[in-house]
C-alpha atoms as a PDB file:
ATOM      1  CA  UNK A   1       0.045  -0.079   0.007  1.00  0.00           C
ATOM      2  CA  UNK A   2       1.442   3.322  -1.146  1.00  0.00           C
ATOM      3  CA  UNK A   3       1.557   6.104   1.443  1.00  0.00           C
ATOM      4  CA  UNK A   4      -0.462   9.384   0.619  1.00  0.00           C
ATOM      5  CA  UNK A   5       2.148  11.999   0.757  1.00  0.00           C
ATOM      6  CA  UNK A   6      -0.466  14.690   0.548  1.00  0.00           C
ATOM      7  CA  UNK A   7      -1.646  14.127   3.983  1.00  0.00           C
ATOM      8  CA  UNK A   8       0.185  16.144   6.709  1.00  0.00           C
ATOM      9  CA  UNK A   9       3.570  17.626   6.022  1.00  0.00           C
ATOM     10  CA  UNK A  10       4.620  16.761   2.445  1.00  0.00           C
ATOM     11  CA  UNK A  11       8.127  17.667   2.869  1.00  0.00           C
ATOM     12  CA  UNK A  12       8.498  15.753   6.109  1.00  0.00           C
ATOM     13  CA  UNK A  13       6.982  12.701   4.500  1.00  0.00           C
ATOM     14  CA  UNK A  14       9.244  12.929   1.559  1.00  0.00           C
ATOM     15  CA  UNK A  15      12.268  13.278   3.805  1.00  0.00           C
ATOM     16  CA  UNK A  16      11.276  10.331   5.922  1.00  0.00           C
ATOM     17  CA  UNK A  17      11.247   7.992   2.798  1.00  0.00           C
ATOM     18  CA  UNK A  18      14.827   9.008   1.875  1.00  0.00           C
ATOM     19  CA  UNK A  19      17.911   6.884   2.582  1.00  0.00           C
ATOM     20  CA  UNK A  20      19.937   8.136   5.452  1.00  0.00           C
ATOM     21  CA  UNK A  21      22.945   9.079   3.083  1.00  0.00           C
ATOM     22  CA  UNK A  22      20.540  11.137   0.893  1.00  0.00           C
ATOM     23  CA  UNK A  23      19.421  13.061   4.025  1.00  0.00           C
ATOM     24  CA  UNK A  24      23.004  13.765   4.969  1.00  0.00           C
ATOM     25  CA  UNK A  25      23.914  14.861   1.410  1.00  0.00           C
ATOM     26  CA  UNK A  26      20.873  17.333   1.182  1.00  0.00           C
ATOM     27  CA  UNK A  27      21.556  18.624   4.584  1.00  0.00           C
ATOM     28  CA  UNK A  28      25.252  19.073   3.963  1.00  0.00           C
ATOM     29  CA  UNK A  29      24.660  21.069   0.748  1.00  0.00           C
ATOM     30  CA  UNK A  30      22.243  23.395   2.580  1.00  0.00           C
ATOM     31  CA  UNK A  31      24.524  23.729   5.434  1.00  0.00           C
ATOM     32  CA  UNK A  32      27.538  24.491   3.119  1.00  0.00           C
ATOM     33  CA  UNK A  33      25.464  27.183   1.226  1.00  0.00           C
ATOM     34  CA  UNK A  34      24.611  28.673   4.582  1.00  0.00           C
ATOM     35  CA  UNK A  35      28.273  28.813   5.744  1.00  0.00           C
ATOM     36  CA  UNK A  36      29.313  30.298   2.416  1.00  0.00           C
ATOM     37  CA  UNK A  37      26.731  32.935   2.751  1.00  0.00           C
ATOM     38  CA  UNK A  38      27.748  33.748   6.296  1.00  0.00           C
ATOM     39  CA  UNK A  39      31.486  33.911   5.357  1.00  0.00           C
ATOM     40  CA  UNK A  40      30.615  36.395   2.530  1.00  0.00           C
ATOM     41  CA  UNK A  41      28.529  38.445   5.184  1.00  0.00           C
ATOM     42  CA  UNK A  42      31.333  38.429   7.701  1.00  0.00           C
ATOM     43  CA  UNK A  43      33.991  39.492   5.123  1.00  0.00           C
ATOM     44  CA  UNK A  44      31.559  42.290   3.827  1.00  0.00           C
ATOM     45  CA  UNK A  45      31.433  40.833   0.326  1.00  0.00           C
ATOM     46  CA  UNK A  46      28.227  41.043  -1.681  1.00  0.00           C
ATOM     47  CA  UNK A  47      27.131  38.137  -3.989  1.00  0.00           C
ATOM     48  CA  UNK A  48      27.745  40.228  -6.940  1.00  0.00           C
ATOM     49  CA  UNK A  49      31.253  41.002  -5.817  1.00  0.00           C
ATOM     50  CA  UNK A  50      31.851  37.291  -5.056  1.00  0.00           C
ATOM     51  CA  UNK A  51      30.596  36.245  -8.503  1.00  0.00           C
ATOM     52  CA  UNK A  52      33.104  38.879 -10.072  1.00  0.00           C
ATOM     53  CA  UNK A  53      35.912  37.275  -8.006  1.00  0.00           C
ATOM     54  CA  UNK A  54      35.011  33.823  -9.043  1.00  0.00           C
ATOM     55  CA  UNK A  55      34.529  34.629 -12.607  1.00  0.00           C
ATOM     56  CA  UNK A  56      30.924  33.500 -12.496  1.00  0.00           C
ATOM     57  CA  UNK A  57      27.539  34.980 -13.309  1.00  0.00           C
ATOM     58  CA  UNK A  58      25.431  36.193 -10.381  1.00  0.00           C
ATOM     59  CA  UNK A  59      22.892  33.752 -11.228  1.00  0.00           C
ATOM     60  CA  UNK A  60      25.349  30.852 -10.889  1.00  0.00           C
ATOM     61  CA  UNK A  61      26.133  32.155  -7.478  1.00  0.00           C
ATOM     62  CA  UNK A  62      22.445  32.317  -6.575  1.00  0.00           C
ATOM     63  CA  UNK A  63      22.312  28.659  -7.583  1.00  0.00           C
ATOM     64  CA  UNK A  64      25.135  27.846  -5.346  1.00  0.00           C
ATOM     65  CA  UNK A  65      23.434  29.761  -2.417  1.00  0.00           C
ATOM     66  CA  UNK A  66      20.174  27.865  -2.896  1.00  0.00           C
ATOM     67  CA  UNK A  67      21.692  24.670  -1.246  1.00  0.00           C
ATOM     68  CA  UNK A  68      20.965  22.452  -4.356  1.00  0.00           C
ATOM     69  CA  UNK A  69      24.578  22.784  -5.857  1.00  0.00           C
ATOM     70  CA  UNK A  70      26.957  19.774  -5.427  1.00  0.00           C
ATOM     71  CA  UNK A  71      30.240  21.398  -5.026  1.00  0.00           C
ATOM     72  CA  UNK A  72      33.320  19.710  -6.310  1.00  0.00           C
ATOM     73  CA  UNK A  73      36.635  19.782  -4.339  1.00  0.00           C
ATOM     74  CA  UNK A  74      38.021  21.943  -7.086  1.00  0.00           C
ATOM     75  CA  UNK A  75      35.223  24.449  -6.794  1.00  0.00           C
ATOM     76  CA  UNK A  76      35.741  24.532  -2.950  1.00  0.00           C
ATOM     77  CA  UNK A  77      39.453  25.241  -3.521  1.00  0.00           C
ATOM     78  CA  UNK A  78      38.505  28.086  -6.014  1.00  0.00           C
ATOM     79  CA  UNK A  79      36.090  29.562  -3.435  1.00  0.00           C
ATOM     80  CA  UNK A  80      38.643  29.304  -0.575  1.00  0.00           C
ATOM     81  CA  UNK A  81      41.236  31.069  -2.818  1.00  0.00           C
ATOM     82  CA  UNK A  82      38.913  33.798  -3.730  1.00  0.00           C
ATOM     83  CA  UNK A  83      37.935  34.433  -0.244  1.00  0.00           C
ATOM     84  CA  UNK A  84      41.473  34.026   1.048  1.00  0.00           C
ATOM     85  CA  UNK A  85      40.640  31.426   3.613  1.00  0.00           C
ATOM     86  CA  UNK A  86      41.448  27.754   4.028  1.00  0.00           C
ATOM     87  CA  UNK A  87      39.202  25.264   2.591  1.00  0.00           C
ATOM     88  CA  UNK A  88      38.599  23.956   6.055  1.00  0.00           C
ATOM     89  CA  UNK A  89      36.957  27.299   6.905  1.00  0.00           C
ATOM     90  CA  UNK A  90      34.160  26.641   4.294  1.00  0.00           C
ATOM     91  CA  UNK A  91      33.559  23.232   5.974  1.00  0.00           C
ATOM     92  CA  UNK A  92      33.362  24.586   9.529  1.00  0.00           C
ATOM     93  CA  UNK A  93      29.567  24.605  10.153  1.00  0.00           C
ATOM     94  CA  UNK A  94      27.410  23.070  12.741  1.00  0.00           C
ATOM     95  CA  UNK A  95      25.341  20.529  10.923  1.00  0.00           C
ATOM     96  CA  UNK A  96      21.576  21.506  11.024  1.00  0.00           C
ATOM     97  CA  UNK A  97      18.797  19.157  10.104  1.00  0.00           C
ATOM     98  CA  UNK A  98      16.385  20.245   7.429  1.00  0.00           C
ATOM     99  CA  UNK A  99      13.392  19.232   9.340  1.00  0.00           C
ATOM    100  CA  UNK A 100      13.740  20.127  12.892  1.00  0.00           C
ATOM    101  CA  UNK A 101      10.511  21.392  14.324  1.00  0.00           C
ATOM    102  CA  UNK A 102       7.057  19.964  14.941  1.00  0.00           C
ATOM    103  CA  UNK A 103       4.351  22.583  14.555  1.00  0.00           C
ATOM    104  CA  UNK A 104       1.102  22.238  16.312  1.00  0.00           C
ATOM    105  CA  UNK A 105      -1.932  24.359  15.564  1.00  0.00           C
ATOM    106  CA  UNK A 106      -4.831  24.859  17.950  1.00  0.00           C
ATOM    107  CA  UNK A 107      -7.533  27.228  18.603  1.00  0.00           C
ATOM    108  CA  UNK A 108      -6.861  30.012  21.094  1.00  0.00           C
ATOM    109  CA  UNK A 109     -10.616  30.298  22.048  1.00  0.00           C
ATOM    110  CA  UNK A 110     -12.377  27.065  22.417  1.00  0.00           C
ATOM    111  CA  UNK A 111     -15.650  28.550  23.496  1.00  0.00           C
ATOM    112  CA  UNK A 112     -16.457  30.425  20.209  1.00  0.00           C
ATOM    113  CA  UNK A 113     -18.291  28.641  17.316  1.00  0.00           C
ATOM    114  CA  UNK A 114     -16.026  27.459  14.570  1.00  0.00           C
ATOM    115  CA  UNK A 115     -17.718  29.390  11.890  1.00  0.00           C
ATOM    116  CA  UNK A 116     -16.937  32.804  13.607  1.00  0.00           C
ATOM    117  CA  UNK A 117     -13.217  32.077  14.129  1.00  0.00           C
ATOM    118  CA  UNK A 118     -10.690  33.609  11.734  1.00  0.00           C
ATOM    119  CA  UNK A 119      -7.003  32.902  11.264  1.00  0.00           C
ATOM    120  CA  UNK A 120      -6.238  35.174  14.174  1.00  0.00           C
ATOM    121  CA  UNK A 121      -7.954  32.801  16.515  1.00  0.00           C
ATOM    122  CA  UNK A 122      -5.443  30.136  15.854  1.00  0.00           C
ATOM    123  CA  UNK A 123      -1.782  29.908  16.980  1.00  0.00           C
ATOM    124  CA  UNK A 124       0.984  27.589  16.172  1.00  0.00           C
ATOM    125  CA  UNK A 125       3.806  26.356  18.413  1.00  0.00           C
ATOM    126  CA  UNK A 126       7.245  24.978  17.477  1.00  0.00           C
ATOM    127  CA  UNK A 127       7.920  21.835  19.542  1.00  0.00           C
END
């Protein structure tokens, strides 16, 4: 029997069906993109300036920052060289899971009829 991925959290359901190594690969790509973005910010380098330093188009840098790019060791070396950092600096990030919170939605006011309640009458809690 096939799971209905449209019930509940679609992303979470898809993520749960992945192999463990696939999860690690995806998380690493996103974490690397976040680390690169933080490094640029800390050095005061805009994405446009970084693109120029790398000899790449701004759209390619945007793709890198999306977390979908599979960096080669050569590209990581070029990035480290352009930013004048050791390659290890690019890989210094605390791994963050993609799916990390459970969201619960419940009514704030239980005594009012359902039809009169708007979106403001609900709240969500990250658990």
